[in-house]
Amino acid sequence: VNQDIWFPQAQIAFSSVIETGVPVIADPTPPSAIECGRLGDLAVAG
């Protein structure tokens, strides 16, 4: 995203202070709470 789009055109880059260890977070609405999808799906209305 940085190399191909944002940096060469706008001199903007998005940085990450970690190289490994991306957190896994809970699904805010698991399948039992919504009418569609599986675990890991987000509900969308329009």
PDB file of all heavy atoms in Angstrom:
ATOM      1  N   VAL A   1       0.840  -1.202   0.000  1.00  0.00           N
ATOM      2  CA  VAL A   1       0.000   0.000   0.000  1.00  0.00           C
ATOM      3  C   VAL A   1       0.872   1.247   0.000  1.00  0.00           C
ATOM      4  O   VAL A   1       0.605   2.220  -0.713  1.00  0.00           O
ATOM      5  CB  VAL A   1      -0.940  -0.017   1.225  1.00  0.00           C
ATOM      6  CG1 VAL A   1      -1.552   1.361   1.469  1.00  0.00           C
ATOM      7  CG2 VAL A   1      -2.038  -1.050   1.045  1.00  0.00           C
ATOM      8  N   ASN A   2       1.941   1.209   0.789  1.00  0.00           N
ATOM      9  CA  ASN A   2       2.855   2.356   0.847  1.00  0.00           C
ATOM     10  C   ASN A   2       3.647   2.513  -0.441  1.00  0.00           C
ATOM     11  O   ASN A   2       3.702   3.585  -1.043  1.00  0.00           O
ATOM     12  CB  ASN A   2       3.822   2.186   2.018  1.00  0.00           C
ATOM     13  CG  ASN A   2       3.150   2.307   3.367  1.00  0.00           C
ATOM     14  OD1 ASN A   2       2.155   3.004   3.522  1.00  0.00           O
ATOM     15  ND2 ASN A   2       3.690   1.623   4.369  1.00  0.00           N
ATOM     16  N   GLN A   3       4.298   1.443  -0.865  1.00  0.00           N
ATOM     17  CA  GLN A   3       5.214   1.512  -2.010  1.00  0.00           C
ATOM     18  C   GLN A   3       4.504   1.789  -3.327  1.00  0.00           C
ATOM     19  O   GLN A   3       5.008   2.532  -4.173  1.00  0.00           O
ATOM     20  CB  GLN A   3       6.000   0.202  -2.133  1.00  0.00           C
ATOM     21  CG  GLN A   3       7.073   0.009  -1.092  1.00  0.00           C
ATOM     22  CD  GLN A   3       7.976  -1.160  -1.450  1.00  0.00           C
ATOM     23  OE1 GLN A   3       8.038  -1.604  -2.587  1.00  0.00           O
ATOM     24  NE2 GLN A   3       8.696  -1.671  -0.464  1.00  0.00           N
ATOM     25  N   ASP A   4       3.331   1.179  -3.509  1.00  0.00           N
ATOM     26  CA  ASP A   4       2.676   1.236  -4.808  1.00  0.00           C
ATOM     27  C   ASP A   4       1.719   2.415  -4.950  1.00  0.00           C
ATOM     28  O   ASP A   4       1.459   2.860  -6.070  1.00  0.00           O
ATOM     29  CB  ASP A   4       1.905  -0.060  -5.073  1.00  0.00           C
ATOM     30  CG  ASP A   4       2.798  -1.283  -5.113  1.00  0.00           C
ATOM     31  OD1 ASP A   4       4.020  -1.125  -5.263  1.00  0.00           O
ATOM     32  OD2 ASP A   4       2.267  -2.406  -4.984  1.00  0.00           O
ATOM     33  N   ILE A   5       1.187   2.913  -3.819  1.00  0.00           N
ATOM     34  CA  ILE A   5       0.116   3.906  -3.925  1.00  0.00           C
ATOM     35  C   ILE A   5       0.414   5.191  -3.149  1.00  0.00           C
ATOM     36  O   ILE A   5       0.612   6.256  -3.735  1.00  0.00           O
ATOM     37  CB  ILE A   5      -1.233   3.298  -3.474  1.00  0.00           C
ATOM     38  CG1 ILE A   5      -1.613   2.137  -4.403  1.00  0.00           C
ATOM     39  CG2 ILE A   5      -2.329   4.359  -3.450  1.00  0.00           C
ATOM     40  CD1 ILE A   5      -2.880   1.416  -4.027  1.00  0.00           C
ATOM     41  N   TRP A   6       0.486   5.116  -1.839  1.00  0.00           N
ATOM     42  CA  TRP A   6       0.476   6.341  -1.045  1.00  0.00           C
ATOM     43  C   TRP A   6       1.803   7.081  -1.031  1.00  0.00           C
ATOM     44  O   TRP A   6       1.827   8.313  -1.131  1.00  0.00           O
ATOM     45  CB  TRP A   6       0.021   6.039   0.394  1.00  0.00           C
ATOM     46  CG  TRP A   6      -1.472   6.000   0.491  1.00  0.00           C
ATOM     47  CD1 TRP A   6      -2.278   4.896   0.514  1.00  0.00           C
ATOM     48  CD2 TRP A   6      -2.345   7.125   0.554  1.00  0.00           C
ATOM     49  NE1 TRP A   6      -3.595   5.257   0.582  1.00  0.00           N
ATOM     50  CE2 TRP A   6      -3.666   6.631   0.618  1.00  0.00           C
ATOM     51  CE3 TRP A   6      -2.146   8.501   0.565  1.00  0.00           C
ATOM     52  CZ2 TRP A   6      -4.778   7.473   0.695  1.00  0.00           C
ATOM     53  CZ3 TRP A   6      -3.246   9.338   0.643  1.00  0.00           C
ATOM     54  CH2 TRP A   6      -4.543   8.829   0.700  1.00  0.00           C
ATOM     55  N   PHE A   7       2.912   6.371  -0.950  1.00  0.00           N
ATOM     56  CA  PHE A   7       4.191   7.077  -0.876  1.00  0.00           C
ATOM     57  C   PHE A   7       4.577   7.751  -2.189  1.00  0.00           C
ATOM     58  O   PHE A   7       4.910   8.942  -2.195  1.00  0.00           O
ATOM     59  CB  PHE A   7       5.305   6.136  -0.406  1.00  0.00           C
ATOM     60  CG  PHE A   7       6.664   6.781  -0.436  1.00  0.00           C
ATOM     61  CD1 PHE A   7       7.004   7.759   0.484  1.00  0.00           C
ATOM     62  CD2 PHE A   7       7.598   6.431  -1.393  1.00  0.00           C
ATOM     63  CE1 PHE A   7       8.252   8.378   0.458  1.00  0.00           C
ATOM     64  CE2 PHE A   7       8.844   7.031  -1.431  1.00  0.00           C
ATOM     65  CZ  PHE A   7       9.176   8.013  -0.500  1.00  0.00           C
ATOM     66  N   PRO A   8       4.573   7.052  -3.325  1.00  0.00           N
ATOM     67  CA  PRO A   8       5.038   7.718  -4.545  1.00  0.00           C
ATOM     68  C   PRO A   8       4.158   8.884  -4.973  1.00  0.00           C
ATOM     69  O   PRO A   8       4.629   9.799  -5.658  1.00  0.00           O
ATOM     70  CB  PRO A   8       5.025   6.594  -5.592  1.00  0.00           C
ATOM     71  CG  PRO A   8       4.117   5.559  -5.046  1.00  0.00           C
ATOM     72  CD  PRO A   8       4.221   5.645  -3.562  1.00  0.00           C
ATOM     73  N   GLN A   9       2.895   8.894  -4.569  1.00  0.00           N
ATOM     74  CA  GLN A   9       1.996   9.954  -5.008  1.00  0.00           C
ATOM     75  C   GLN A   9       1.846  11.081  -3.982  1.00  0.00           C
ATOM     76  O   GLN A   9       1.775  12.250  -4.352  1.00  0.00           O
ATOM     77  CB  GLN A   9       0.614   9.372  -5.318  1.00  0.00           C
ATOM     78  CG  GLN A   9       0.639   8.335  -6.434  1.00  0.00           C
ATOM     79  CD  GLN A   9      -0.752   7.867  -6.781  1.00  0.00           C
ATOM     80  OE1 GLN A   9      -1.498   8.531  -7.481  1.00  0.00           O
ATOM     81  NE2 GLN A   9      -1.111   6.694  -6.268  1.00  0.00           N
ATOM     82  N   ALA A  10       1.769  10.718  -2.711  1.00  0.00           N
ATOM     83  CA  ALA A  10       1.457  11.714  -1.683  1.00  0.00           C
ATOM     84  C   ALA A  10       2.535  11.838  -0.614  1.00  0.00           C
ATOM     85  O   ALA A  10       2.374  12.645   0.310  1.00  0.00           O
ATOM     86  CB  ALA A  10       0.117  11.371  -1.017  1.00  0.00           C
ATOM     87  N   GLN A  11       3.614  11.058  -0.717  1.00  0.00           N
ATOM     88  CA  GLN A  11       4.651  11.058   0.320  1.00  0.00           C
ATOM     89  C   GLN A  11       4.050  10.771   1.697  1.00  0.00           C
ATOM     90  O   GLN A  11       4.454  11.355   2.706  1.00  0.00           O
ATOM     91  CB  GLN A  11       5.401  12.397   0.350  1.00  0.00           C
ATOM     92  CG  GLN A  11       6.261  12.655  -0.881  1.00  0.00           C
ATOM     93  CD  GLN A  11       7.477  11.732  -0.950  1.00  0.00           C
ATOM     94  OE1 GLN A  11       7.501  10.782  -1.715  1.00  0.00           O
ATOM     95  NE2 GLN A  11       8.492  12.024  -0.176  1.00  0.00           N
ATOM     96  N   ILE A  12       3.090   9.866   1.727  1.00  0.00           N
ATOM     97  CA  ILE A  12       2.471   9.400   2.971  1.00  0.00           C
ATOM     98  C   ILE A  12       2.711   7.897   3.069  1.00  0.00           C
ATOM     99  O   ILE A  12       2.598   7.173   2.077  1.00  0.00           O
ATOM    100  CB  ILE A  12       0.958   9.694   2.993  1.00  0.00           C
ATOM    101  CG1 ILE A  12       0.712  11.205   3.109  1.00  0.00           C
ATOM    102  CG2 ILE A  12       0.264   8.959   4.129  1.00  0.00           C
ATOM    103  CD1 ILE A  12      -0.759  11.598   2.987  1.00  0.00           C
ATOM    104  N   ALA A  13       3.054   7.427   4.266  1.00  0.00           N
ATOM    105  CA  ALA A  13       3.197   5.990   4.516  1.00  0.00           C
ATOM    106  C   ALA A  13       2.503   5.659   5.829  1.00  0.00           C
ATOM    107  O   ALA A  13       2.495   6.462   6.762  1.00  0.00           O
ATOM    108  CB  ALA A  13       4.664   5.575   4.563  1.00  0.00           C
ATOM    109  N   PHE A  14       1.943   4.471   5.888  1.00  0.00           N
ATOM    110  CA  PHE A  14       1.276   3.973   7.086  1.00  0.00           C
ATOM    111  C   PHE A  14       2.223   2.979   7.762  1.00  0.00           C
ATOM    112  O   PHE A  14       2.688   2.031   7.130  1.00  0.00           O
ATOM    113  CB  PHE A  14      -0.063   3.341   6.724  1.00  0.00           C
ATOM    114  CG  PHE A  14      -1.017   4.323   6.114  1.00  0.00           C
ATOM    115  CD1 PHE A  14      -1.041   4.518   4.736  1.00  0.00           C
ATOM    116  CD2 PHE A  14      -1.848   5.092   6.911  1.00  0.00           C
ATOM    117  CE1 PHE A  14      -1.901   5.441   4.168  1.00  0.00           C
ATOM    118  CE2 PHE A  14      -2.711   6.027   6.348  1.00  0.00           C
ATOM    119  CZ  PHE A  14      -2.741   6.204   4.975  1.00  0.00           C
ATOM    120  N   SER A  15       2.520   3.233   9.033  1.00  0.00           N
ATOM    121  CA  SER A  15       3.576   2.479   9.722  1.00  0.00           C
ATOM    122  C   SER A  15       2.990   1.556  10.775  1.00  0.00           C
ATOM    123  O   SER A  15       1.892   1.786  11.287  1.00  0.00           O
ATOM    124  CB  SER A  15       4.577   3.438  10.373  1.00  0.00           C
ATOM    125  OG  SER A  15       3.936   4.241  11.353  1.00  0.00           O
ATOM    126  N   SER A  16       3.741   0.523  11.099  1.00  0.00           N
ATOM    127  CA  SER A  16       3.379  -0.402  12.164  1.00  0.00           C
ATOM    128  C   SER A  16       4.549  -0.527  13.119  1.00  0.00           C
ATOM    129  O   SER A  16       5.684  -0.753  12.689  1.00  0.00           O
ATOM    130  CB  SER A  16       3.023  -1.780  11.597  1.00  0.00           C
ATOM    131  OG  SER A  16       2.826  -2.722  12.638  1.00  0.00           O
ATOM    132  N   VAL A  17       4.263  -0.387  14.413  1.00  0.00           N
ATOM    133  CA  VAL A  17       5.348  -0.478  15.397  1.00  0.00           C
ATOM    134  C   VAL A  17       5.653  -1.923  15.762  1.00  0.00           C
ATOM    135  O   VAL A  17       6.515  -2.169  16.598  1.00  0.00           O
ATOM    136  CB  VAL A  17       5.018   0.315  16.675  1.00  0.00           C
ATOM    137  CG1 VAL A  17       4.902   1.789  16.378  1.00  0.00           C
ATOM    138  CG2 VAL A  17       3.745  -0.213  17.336  1.00  0.00           C
ATOM    139  N   ILE A  18       4.946  -2.883  15.156  1.00  0.00           N
ATOM    140  CA  ILE A  18       5.289  -4.286  15.367  1.00  0.00           C
ATOM    141  C   ILE A  18       5.599  -4.928  14.026  1.00  0.00           C
ATOM    142  O   ILE A  18       5.150  -4.471  12.980  1.00  0.00           O
ATOM    143  CB  ILE A  18       4.170  -5.076  16.079  1.00  0.00           C
ATOM    144  CG1 ILE A  18       2.919  -5.179  15.181  1.00  0.00           C
ATOM    145  CG2 ILE A  18       3.840  -4.481  17.422  1.00  0.00           C
ATOM    146  CD1 ILE A  18       1.921  -6.193  15.649  1.00  0.00           C
ATOM    147  N   GLU A  19       6.373  -5.982  14.043  1.00  0.00           N
ATOM    148  CA  GLU A  19       6.663  -6.785  12.855  1.00  0.00           C
ATOM    149  C   GLU A  19       5.979  -8.139  12.919  1.00  0.00           C
ATOM    150  O   GLU A  19       5.793  -8.786  11.899  1.00  0.00           O
ATOM    151  CB  GLU A  19       8.173  -6.998  12.725  1.00  0.00           C
ATOM    152  CG  GLU A  19       8.943  -5.719  12.508  1.00  0.00           C
ATOM    153  CD  GLU A  19      10.384  -6.005  12.153  1.00  0.00           C
ATOM    154  OE1 GLU A  19      11.025  -6.825  12.844  1.00  0.00           O
ATOM    155  OE2 GLU A  19      10.854  -5.412  11.184  1.00  0.00           O
ATOM    156  N   THR A  20       5.610  -8.557  14.097  1.00  0.00           N
ATOM    157  CA  THR A  20       4.936  -9.838  14.276  1.00  0.00           C
ATOM    158  C   THR A  20       4.129  -9.761  15.569  1.00  0.00           C
ATOM    159  O   THR A  20       4.391  -8.920  16.426  1.00  0.00           O
ATOM    160  CB  THR A  20       5.942 -10.995  14.339  1.00  0.00           C
ATOM    161  OG1 THR A  20       5.237 -12.242  14.373  1.00  0.00           O
ATOM    162  CG2 THR A  20       6.827 -10.904  15.564  1.00  0.00           C
ATOM    163  N   GLY A  21       3.111 -10.622  15.684  1.00  0.00           N
ATOM    164  CA  GLY A  21       2.282 -10.603  16.878  1.00  0.00           C
ATOM    165  C   GLY A  21       0.999  -9.818  16.694  1.00  0.00           C
ATOM    166  O   GLY A  21       0.603  -9.045  17.574  1.00  0.00           O
ATOM    167  N   VAL A  22       0.320  -9.993  15.554  1.00  0.00           N
ATOM    168  CA  VAL A  22      -0.942  -9.291  15.305  1.00  0.00           C
ATOM    169  C   VAL A  22      -2.032  -9.909  16.185  1.00  0.00           C
ATOM    170  O   VAL A  22      -2.247 -11.128  16.154  1.00  0.00           O
ATOM    171  CB  VAL A  22      -1.329  -9.396  13.819  1.00  0.00           C
ATOM    172  CG1 VAL A  22      -2.704  -8.788  13.567  1.00  0.00           C
ATOM    173  CG2 VAL A  22      -0.273  -8.714  12.955  1.00  0.00           C
ATOM    174  N   PRO A  23      -2.749  -9.099  16.985  1.00  0.00           N
ATOM    175  CA  PRO A  23      -3.752  -9.666  17.893  1.00  0.00           C
ATOM    176  C   PRO A  23      -4.948 -10.275  17.169  1.00  0.00           C
ATOM    177  O   PRO A  23      -5.407  -9.762  16.147  1.00  0.00           O
ATOM    178  CB  PRO A  23      -4.197  -8.453  18.721  1.00  0.00           C
ATOM    179  CG  PRO A  23      -3.105  -7.446  18.594  1.00  0.00           C
ATOM    180  CD  PRO A  23      -2.551  -7.653  17.217  1.00  0.00           C
ATOM    181  N   VAL A  24      -5.455 -11.375  17.721  1.00  0.00           N
ATOM    182  CA  VAL A  24      -6.728 -11.966  17.314  1.00  0.00           C
ATOM    183  C   VAL A  24      -7.787 -11.465  18.289  1.00  0.00           C
ATOM    184  O   VAL A  24      -7.590 -11.519  19.507  1.00  0.00           O
ATOM    185  CB  VAL A  24      -6.670 -13.509  17.342  1.00  0.00           C
ATOM    186  CG1 VAL A  24      -8.024 -14.110  16.962  1.00  0.00           C
ATOM    187  CG2 VAL A  24      -5.572 -14.013  16.404  1.00  0.00           C
ATOM    188  N   ILE A  25      -8.891 -10.944  17.744  1.00  0.00           N
ATOM    189  CA  ILE A  25      -9.944 -10.379  18.602  1.00  0.00           C
ATOM    190  C   ILE A  25     -11.240 -11.151  18.404  1.00  0.00           C
ATOM    191  O   ILE A  25     -11.440 -11.838  17.400  1.00  0.00           O
ATOM    192  CB  ILE A  25     -10.174  -8.884  18.328  1.00  0.00           C
ATOM    193  CG1 ILE A  25     -10.596  -8.656  16.878  1.00  0.00           C
ATOM    194  CG2 ILE A  25      -8.921  -8.095  18.649  1.00  0.00           C
ATOM    195  CD1 ILE A  25     -10.989  -7.207  16.586  1.00  0.00           C
ATOM    196  N   ALA A  26     -12.126 -11.036  19.393  1.00  0.00           N
ATOM    197  CA  ALA A  26     -13.390 -11.761  19.361  1.00  0.00           C
ATOM    198  C   ALA A  26     -14.321 -11.192  18.295  1.00  0.00           C
ATOM    199  O   ALA A  26     -14.319  -9.986  18.017  1.00  0.00           O
ATOM    200  CB  ALA A  26     -14.060 -11.691  20.732  1.00  0.00           C
ATOM    201  N   ASP A  27     -15.126 -12.066  17.701  1.00  0.00           N
ATOM    202  CA  ASP A  27     -16.184 -11.647  16.795  1.00  0.00           C
ATOM    203  C   ASP A  27     -17.246 -10.936  17.634  1.00  0.00           C
ATOM    204  O   ASP A  27     -17.825 -11.537  18.551  1.00  0.00           O
ATOM    205  CB  ASP A  27     -16.778 -12.875  16.103  1.00  0.00           C
ATOM    206  CG  ASP A  27     -17.805 -12.532  15.039  1.00  0.00           C
ATOM    207  OD1 ASP A  27     -18.383 -11.430  15.104  1.00  0.00           O
ATOM    208  OD2 ASP A  27     -18.044 -13.371  14.156  1.00  0.00           O
ATOM    209  N   PRO A  28     -17.539  -9.652  17.363  1.00  0.00           N
ATOM    210  CA  PRO A  28     -18.502  -8.930  18.211  1.00  0.00           C
ATOM    211  C   PRO A  28     -19.915  -9.487  18.110  1.00  0.00           C
ATOM    212  O   PRO A  28     -20.715  -9.297  19.044  1.00  0.00           O
ATOM    213  CB  PRO A  28     -18.428  -7.492  17.680  1.00  0.00           C
ATOM    214  CG  PRO A  28     -17.871  -7.597  16.315  1.00  0.00           C
ATOM    215  CD  PRO A  28     -16.962  -8.779  16.326  1.00  0.00           C
ATOM    216  N   THR A  29     -20.264 -10.137  17.015  1.00  0.00           N
ATOM    217  CA  THR A  29     -21.573 -10.782  16.897  1.00  0.00           C
ATOM    218  C   THR A  29     -21.370 -12.173  16.321  1.00  0.00           C
ATOM    219  O   THR A  29     -21.403 -12.363  15.100  1.00  0.00           O
ATOM    220  CB  THR A  29     -22.524  -9.975  15.984  1.00  0.00           C
ATOM    221  OG1 THR A  29     -21.854  -9.666  14.767  1.00  0.00           O
ATOM    222  CG2 THR A  29     -22.975  -8.698  16.658  1.00  0.00           C
ATOM    223  N   PRO A  30     -21.134 -13.171  17.155  1.00  0.00           N
ATOM    224  CA  PRO A  30     -20.919 -14.539  16.654  1.00  0.00           C
ATOM    225  C   PRO A  30     -22.166 -15.053  15.944  1.00  0.00           C
ATOM    226  O   PRO A  30     -23.245 -14.452  16.040  1.00  0.00           O
ATOM    227  CB  PRO A  30     -20.615 -15.326  17.932  1.00  0.00           C
ATOM    228  CG  PRO A  30     -21.170 -14.500  19.046  1.00  0.00           C
ATOM    229  CD  PRO A  30     -21.073 -13.081  18.614  1.00  0.00           C
ATOM    230  N   PRO A  31     -22.046 -16.171  15.210  1.00  0.00           N
ATOM    231  CA  PRO A  31     -23.160 -16.665  14.388  1.00  0.00           C
ATOM    232  C   PRO A  31     -24.478 -16.819  15.142  1.00  0.00           C
ATOM    233  O   PRO A  31     -25.546 -16.640  14.568  1.00  0.00           O
ATOM    234  CB  PRO A  31     -22.649 -18.009  13.880  1.00  0.00           C
ATOM    235  CG  PRO A  31     -21.161 -17.849  13.873  1.00  0.00           C
ATOM    236  CD  PRO A  31     -20.841 -16.979  15.049  1.00  0.00           C
ATOM    237  N   SER A  32     -24.420 -17.120  16.426  1.00  0.00           N
ATOM    238  CA  SER A  32     -25.655 -17.298  17.185  1.00  0.00           C
ATOM    239  C   SER A  32     -26.421 -15.989  17.354  1.00  0.00           C
ATOM    240  O   SER A  32     -27.605 -15.991  17.677  1.00  0.00           O
ATOM    241  CB  SER A  32     -25.326 -17.872  18.574  1.00  0.00           C
ATOM    242  OG  SER A  32     -24.459 -16.992  19.286  1.00  0.00           O
ATOM    243  N   ALA A  33     -25.749 -14.851  17.106  1.00  0.00           N
ATOM    244  CA  ALA A  33     -26.380 -13.552  17.340  1.00  0.00           C
ATOM    245  C   ALA A  33     -26.808 -12.856  16.053  1.00  0.00           C
ATOM    246  O   ALA A  33     -27.428 -11.800  16.107  1.00  0.00           O
ATOM    247  CB  ALA A  33     -25.437 -12.644  18.126  1.00  0.00           C
ATOM    248  N   ILE A  34     -26.490 -13.420  14.897  1.00  0.00           N
ATOM    249  CA  ILE A  34     -26.872 -12.808  13.630  1.00  0.00           C
ATOM    250  C   ILE A  34     -27.496 -13.859  12.729  1.00  0.00           C
ATOM    251  O   ILE A  34     -27.334 -15.053  12.943  1.00  0.00           O
ATOM    252  CB  ILE A  34     -25.666 -12.144  12.924  1.00  0.00           C
ATOM    253  CG1 ILE A  34     -24.532 -13.157  12.706  1.00  0.00           C
ATOM    254  CG2 ILE A  34     -25.166 -10.949  13.692  1.00  0.00           C
ATOM    255  CD1 ILE A  34     -23.344 -12.574  11.956  1.00  0.00           C
ATOM    256  N   GLU A  35     -28.204 -13.413  11.724  1.00  0.00           N
ATOM    257  CA  GLU A  35     -28.953 -14.339  10.869  1.00  0.00           C
ATOM    258  C   GLU A  35     -28.131 -14.869   9.708  1.00  0.00           C
ATOM    259  O   GLU A  35     -28.606 -15.709   8.956  1.00  0.00           O
ATOM    260  CB  GLU A  35     -30.210 -13.631  10.336  1.00  0.00           C
ATOM    261  CG  GLU A  35     -31.185 -13.252  11.436  1.00  0.00           C
ATOM    262  CD  GLU A  35     -32.413 -12.562  10.889  1.00  0.00           C
ATOM    263  OE1 GLU A  35     -32.453 -12.323   9.665  1.00  0.00           O
ATOM    264  OE2 GLU A  35     -33.322 -12.271  11.682  1.00  0.00           O
ATOM    265  N   CYS A  36     -26.920 -14.350   9.508  1.00  0.00           N
ATOM    266  CA  CYS A  36     -26.125 -14.808   8.379  1.00  0.00           C
ATOM    267  C   CYS A  36     -24.687 -15.000   8.823  1.00  0.00           C
ATOM    268  O   CYS A  36     -24.258 -14.498   9.859  1.00  0.00           O
ATOM    269  CB  CYS A  36     -26.180 -13.804   7.227  1.00  0.00           C
ATOM    270  SG  CYS A  36     -25.425 -12.201   7.626  1.00  0.00           S
ATOM    271  N   GLY A  37     -23.965 -15.718   7.990  1.00  0.00           N
ATOM    272  CA  GLY A  37     -22.529 -15.763   8.175  1.00  0.00           C
ATOM    273  C   GLY A  37     -22.038 -16.815   9.140  1.00  0.00           C
ATOM    274  O   GLY A  37     -22.787 -17.602   9.705  1.00  0.00           O
ATOM    275  N   ARG A  38     -20.712 -16.776   9.335  1.00  0.00           N
ATOM    276  CA  ARG A  38     -20.004 -17.690  10.215  1.00  0.00           C
ATOM    277  C   ARG A  38     -19.177 -16.881  11.198  1.00  0.00           C
ATOM    278  O   ARG A  38     -19.138 -15.644  11.137  1.00  0.00           O
ATOM    279  CB  ARG A  38     -19.075 -18.576   9.381  1.00  0.00           C
ATOM    280  CG  ARG A  38     -19.792 -19.524   8.441  1.00  0.00           C
ATOM    281  CD  ARG A  38     -18.854 -20.172   7.437  1.00  0.00           C
ATOM    282  NE  ARG A  38     -17.489 -20.327   7.911  1.00  0.00           N
ATOM    283  CZ  ARG A  38     -16.485 -20.744   7.133  1.00  0.00           C
ATOM    284  NH1 ARG A  38     -16.717 -21.046   5.860  1.00  0.00           N
ATOM    285  NH2 ARG A  38     -15.265 -20.853   7.616  1.00  0.00           N
ATOM    286  N   LEU A  39     -18.501 -17.593  12.090  1.00  0.00           N
ATOM    287  CA  LEU A  39     -17.598 -16.913  13.009  1.00  0.00           C
ATOM    288  C   LEU A  39     -16.547 -16.148  12.207  1.00  0.00           C
ATOM    289  O   LEU A  39     -15.947 -16.679  11.273  1.00  0.00           O
ATOM    290  CB  LEU A  39     -16.910 -17.945  13.904  1.00  0.00           C
ATOM    291  CG  LEU A  39     -16.043 -17.375  15.042  1.00  0.00           C
ATOM    292  CD1 LEU A  39     -16.918 -16.696  16.081  1.00  0.00           C
ATOM    293  CD2 LEU A  39     -15.212 -18.485  15.681  1.00  0.00           C
ATOM    294  N   GLY A  40     -16.351 -14.876  12.537  1.00  0.00           N
ATOM    295  CA  GLY A  40     -15.410 -14.036  11.814  1.00  0.00           C
ATOM    296  C   GLY A  40     -16.051 -13.128  10.799  1.00  0.00           C
ATOM    297  O   GLY A  40     -15.361 -12.355  10.137  1.00  0.00           O
ATOM    298  N   ASP A  41     -17.399 -13.196  10.664  1.00  0.00           N
ATOM    299  CA  ASP A  41     -18.115 -12.333   9.729  1.00  0.00           C
ATOM    300  C   ASP A  41     -18.693 -11.133  10.473  1.00  0.00           C
ATOM    301  O   ASP A  41     -19.208 -11.274  11.592  1.00  0.00           O
ATOM    302  CB  ASP A  41     -19.257 -13.087   9.051  1.00  0.00           C
ATOM    303  CG  ASP A  41     -18.767 -14.173   8.109  1.00  0.00           C
ATOM    304  OD1 ASP A  41     -17.534 -14.285   7.939  1.00  0.00           O
ATOM    305  OD2 ASP A  41     -19.607 -14.902   7.563  1.00  0.00           O
ATOM    306  N   LEU A  42     -18.632  -9.968   9.843  1.00  0.00           N
ATOM    307  CA  LEU A  42     -19.225  -8.760  10.413  1.00  0.00           C
ATOM    308  C   LEU A  42     -20.565  -8.481   9.756  1.00  0.00           C
ATOM    309  O   LEU A  42     -20.728  -8.666   8.551  1.00  0.00           O
ATOM    310  CB  LEU A  42     -18.301  -7.551  10.207  1.00  0.00           C
ATOM    311  CG  LEU A  42     -17.015  -7.520  11.034  1.00  0.00           C
ATOM    312  CD1 LEU A  42     -16.190  -6.294  10.679  1.00  0.00           C
ATOM    313  CD2 LEU A  42     -17.330  -7.524  12.527  1.00  0.00           C
ATOM    314  N   ALA A  43     -21.530  -8.030  10.559  1.00  0.00           N
ATOM    315  CA  ALA A  43     -22.853  -7.705  10.048  1.00  0.00           C
ATOM    316  C   ALA A  43     -22.831  -6.341   9.371  1.00  0.00           C
ATOM    317  O   ALA A  43     -22.214  -5.399   9.857  1.00  0.00           O
ATOM    318  CB  ALA A  43     -23.868  -7.704  11.181  1.00  0.00           C
ATOM    319  N   VAL A  44     -23.506  -6.273   8.226  1.00  0.00           N
ATOM    320  CA  VAL A  44     -23.553  -5.041   7.441  1.00  0.00           C
ATOM    321  C   VAL A  44     -24.997  -4.768   7.058  1.00  0.00           C
ATOM    322  O   VAL A  44     -25.720  -5.668   6.665  1.00  0.00           O
ATOM    323  CB  VAL A  44     -22.694  -5.170   6.163  1.00  0.00           C
ATOM    324  CG1 VAL A  44     -22.844  -3.936   5.283  1.00  0.00           C
ATOM    325  CG2 VAL A  44     -21.240  -5.382   6.522  1.00  0.00           C
ATOM    326  N   ALA A  45     -25.418  -3.509   7.178  1.00  0.00           N
ATOM    327  CA  ALA A  45     -26.740  -3.101   6.714  1.00  0.00           C
ATOM    328  C   ALA A  45     -26.551  -1.939   5.753  1.00  0.00           C
ATOM    329  O   ALA A  45     -26.253  -0.827   6.174  1.00  0.00           O
ATOM    330  CB  ALA A  45     -27.626  -2.703   7.890  1.00  0.00           C
ATOM    331  N   GLY A  46     -26.702  -2.220   4.460  1.00  0.00           N
ATOM    332  CA  GLY A  46     -26.445  -1.178   3.472  1.00  0.00           C
ATOM    333  C   GLY A  46     -24.994  -0.742   3.537  1.00  0.00           C
ATOM    334  O   GLY A  46     -24.084  -1.546   3.452  1.00  0.00           O
TER     335      GLY A  46
END
